Protein backbone atom coordinates (compact mmCIF):
# COMPACT_ATOMS: atom_id res chain seq x y z
CA UNK A 1 -22.96 -16.91 15.27
CA UNK A 2 -20.20 -15.08 15.56
CA UNK A 3 -19.01 -15.47 11.74
CA UNK A 4 -22.79 -14.77 10.73
CA UNK A 5 -22.42 -11.51 12.35
CA UNK A 6 -19.20 -10.48 11.00
CA UNK A 7 -20.88 -11.60 7.59
CA UNK A 8 -23.44 -8.89 7.70
CA UNK A 9 -21.39 -6.26 9.00
CA UNK A 10 -19.20 -6.74 6.32
CA UNK A 11 -22.15 -7.21 3.73
CA UNK A 12 -23.51 -3.83 5.25
CA UNK A 13 -20.10 -1.82 4.87
CA UNK A 14 -19.75 -3.38 1.29
CA UNK A 15 -23.33 -2.35 0.41
CA UNK A 16 -22.82 1.34 1.82
CA UNK A 17 -19.79 1.82 0.04
CA UNK A 18 -20.81 0.87 -3.16
CA UNK A 19 -24.44 2.65 -2.85
CA UNK A 20 -22.07 6.12 -1.71
CA UNK A 21 -20.26 5.47 -5.50
CA UNK A 22 -23.44 4.99 -7.56
CA UNK A 23 -24.51 8.11 -5.84
CA UNK A 24 -21.58 10.22 -6.12
CA UNK A 25 -21.33 9.27 -10.24
CA UNK A 26 -25.10 10.16 -10.40
CA UNK A 27 -24.68 13.40 -9.33
CA UNK A 28 -22.03 13.73 -12.36
CA UNK A 29 -22.82 15.36 -15.84
CA UNK A 30 -21.74 13.46 -18.89
CA UNK A 31 -18.40 15.21 -19.41
CA UNK A 32 -17.22 14.59 -15.75
CA UNK A 33 -18.17 11.27 -16.32
CA UNK A 34 -16.16 10.98 -19.25
CA UNK A 35 -13.19 12.72 -17.83
CA UNK A 36 -12.69 10.28 -14.86
CA UNK A 37 -13.36 7.55 -17.40
CA UNK A 38 -10.19 8.75 -19.76
CA UNK A 39 -8.09 9.60 -16.35
CA UNK A 40 -8.94 5.87 -15.34
CA UNK A 41 -7.74 4.58 -18.55
CA UNK A 42 -4.54 6.66 -18.45
CA UNK A 43 -3.89 5.51 -15.03
CA UNK A 44 -4.80 1.73 -16.14
CA UNK A 45 -2.39 2.01 -18.91
CA UNK A 46 0.49 3.50 -16.85
CA UNK A 47 -0.05 0.81 -13.96
CA UNK A 48 -0.35 -2.28 -16.21
CA UNK A 49 2.35 -1.41 -18.94
CA UNK A 50 4.40 -4.33 -17.79
CA UNK A 51 1.62 -6.75 -17.21
CA UNK A 52 -1.33 -8.32 -18.64
CA UNK A 53 -4.29 -7.56 -16.17
CA UNK A 54 -8.00 -6.91 -16.67
CA UNK A 55 -9.44 -3.44 -15.43
CA UNK A 56 -11.50 -5.08 -13.21
CA UNK A 57 -8.37 -7.18 -11.63
CA UNK A 58 -6.30 -3.67 -11.58
CA UNK A 59 -9.20 -1.66 -9.61
CA UNK A 60 -10.02 -4.51 -7.27
CA UNK A 61 -6.15 -4.49 -6.37
CA UNK A 62 -5.35 -0.85 -6.16
CA UNK A 63 -8.97 -0.55 -3.63
CA UNK A 64 -7.19 -3.21 -1.75
CA UNK A 65 -3.74 -1.65 -1.87
CA UNK A 66 -5.12 1.52 -1.19
CA UNK A 67 -7.22 -0.01 1.92
CA UNK A 68 -4.03 -1.20 3.76
CA UNK A 69 -2.00 1.97 3.09
CA UNK A 70 -5.07 3.41 4.88
CA UNK A 71 -4.82 1.39 7.99
CA UNK A 72 -1.24 1.49 7.69
CA UNK A 73 -1.44 5.38 8.19
CA UNK A 74 -3.58 4.78 11.31
CA UNK A 75 -0.97 2.18 12.58
CA UNK A 76 1.89 4.67 11.87
CA UNK A 77 -0.09 7.77 13.62
CA UNK A 78 -0.15 5.29 16.61
CA UNK A 79 3.20 3.94 16.10
CA UNK A 80 1.41 0.39 16.88
CA UNK A 81 4.17 -2.30 15.78
CA UNK A 82 1.94 -5.36 16.66
CA UNK A 83 -0.46 -4.15 14.34
CA UNK A 84 2.11 -2.92 11.40
CA UNK A 85 4.18 -6.59 11.61
CA UNK A 86 0.69 -8.14 10.23
CA UNK A 87 0.93 -6.53 6.87
CA UNK A 88 4.66 -7.23 6.40
CA UNK A 89 5.73 -10.02 3.81
CA UNK A 90 7.40 -12.89 5.67
CA UNK A 91 11.10 -12.13 3.74
CA UNK A 92 10.85 -8.41 4.91
CA UNK A 93 10.59 -9.52 8.36
CA UNK A 94 13.20 -12.34 8.12
CA UNK A 95 15.46 -9.61 6.44
CA UNK A 96 15.09 -6.84 8.77
CA UNK A 97 15.06 -8.94 11.84
CA UNK A 98 18.82 -9.94 11.26
CA UNK A 99 21.50 -7.87 13.46
CA UNK A 100 23.60 -7.48 10.18
CA UNK A 101 21.17 -5.94 8.28
CA UNK A 102 20.12 -3.80 10.96
CA UNK A 103 23.57 -2.65 11.57
CA UNK A 104 24.31 -1.75 7.91
CA UNK A 105 21.13 0.50 7.84
CA UNK A 106 21.78 1.81 11.28
CA UNK A 107 25.12 3.38 9.11
CA UNK A 108 22.64 5.10 6.74
CA UNK A 109 20.50 6.61 9.89
CA UNK A 110 20.52 10.62 9.04
CA UNK A 111 21.21 11.02 12.75
CA UNK A 112 24.74 9.60 14.11
CA UNK A 113 25.07 7.09 16.52
CA UNK A 114 21.12 6.34 16.09
CA UNK A 115 21.07 2.21 16.43
CA UNK A 116 18.68 -0.27 14.72
CA UNK A 117 18.48 -2.97 17.18
CA UNK A 118 15.27 -5.12 16.37
CA UNK A 119 12.65 -4.51 13.84
CA UNK A 120 10.44 -2.26 15.87
CA UNK A 121 13.37 0.24 15.97
CA UNK A 122 13.07 0.02 12.30
CA UNK A 123 9.65 0.47 12.22
CA UNK A 124 9.79 3.67 14.29
CA UNK A 125 12.91 4.97 12.91
CA UNK A 126 12.98 4.22 9.43
CA UNK A 127 9.54 3.27 7.97
CA UNK A 128 7.35 5.80 9.72
CA UNK A 129 9.17 8.73 9.27
CA UNK A 130 9.76 7.51 5.47
CA UNK A 131 5.98 7.30 4.73
CA UNK A 132 4.12 9.22 7.45
CA UNK A 133 1.84 12.24 5.83
CA UNK A 134 2.59 10.62 2.09
CA UNK A 135 -0.14 10.47 -0.11
CA UNK A 136 0.16 7.54 -2.77
CA UNK A 137 -2.35 7.74 -5.50
CA UNK A 138 -1.57 4.97 -8.06
CA UNK A 139 0.05 1.73 -8.29
CA UNK A 140 2.31 0.30 -10.88
CA UNK A 141 2.92 -3.37 -11.30
CA UNK A 142 5.94 -5.13 -11.56
CA UNK A 143 3.97 -8.39 -12.18
CA UNK A 144 1.07 -9.82 -11.06
CA UNK A 145 2.10 -10.49 -7.70
CA UNK A 146 4.47 -7.43 -7.11
CA UNK A 147 3.07 -3.78 -7.13
CA UNK A 148 4.51 -0.64 -6.36
CA UNK A 149 2.62 2.09 -4.78
CA UNK A 150 3.30 5.57 -5.73
CA UNK A 151 2.79 8.93 -5.59
CA UNK A 152 2.45 10.77 -9.37
CA UNK A 153 4.61 14.12 -9.54
CA UNK A 154 4.93 15.79 -13.37
CA UNK A 155 7.08 12.84 -14.76
CA UNK A 156 8.25 10.90 -11.95
CA UNK A 157 6.72 8.54 -9.80
CA UNK A 158 7.62 8.63 -6.02
CA UNK A 159 7.37 4.77 -4.79
CA UNK A 160 6.56 4.75 -0.80
CA UNK A 161 5.52 1.01 -0.69
CA UNK A 162 6.16 -2.38 -2.37
CA UNK A 163 3.34 -4.74 -2.41
CA UNK A 164 3.61 -8.62 -3.05
CA UNK A 165 0.60 -11.05 -2.99
CA UNK A 166 1.24 -14.17 -0.48
CA UNK A 167 -1.76 -16.59 -0.17
CA UNK A 168 -3.73 -14.39 -2.05
CA UNK A 169 -3.21 -11.12 0.16
CA UNK A 170 -1.56 -8.21 -0.62
CA UNK A 171 1.62 -7.64 1.97
CA UNK A 172 4.02 -4.89 2.27
CA UNK A 173 7.45 -6.10 0.95
CA UNK A 174 10.25 -3.89 2.27
CA UNK A 175 13.48 -3.83 0.33
CA UNK A 176 16.42 -4.84 1.02
CA UNK A 177 19.51 -2.33 1.23
CA UNK A 178 21.06 -1.77 -2.21
CA UNK A 179 24.99 -1.36 -2.47
């Protein structure tokens, strides 16, 4: 019974989202639709230059990733570590739980004498401040299972999130320290 209720709720949400999209498109002039299609085609080309992905797959992945980022934004506002950890890939959890990596990362913090003791400290002192209030508009495929979520500024992409697909789900990949 619980599964049926969850299914019905999900179906209702899906139906309301798709009808909202159709209503917003219905109010557009043909030239507005053409501009939107052209912009989507340009973004699709920029985003998939490294890999062969269908436009439908691109749109689905982008939607899913932007939904995750929206959830993460709420989680960061509440500093909800327990919810955040559910969106992080296993390799990142292992790497950023290692005391040696945390010690090395502590040396790079902007405030001297701050120390990262655990993954929760990384979340509060590094992850949240570097992404809170940022706007992500597009994704860039590195491969079919690796995507960067970016903010586009003039001719440069600013990467705020890295995603990897694990067991069919997009998970945040926190890059290891460089150099």
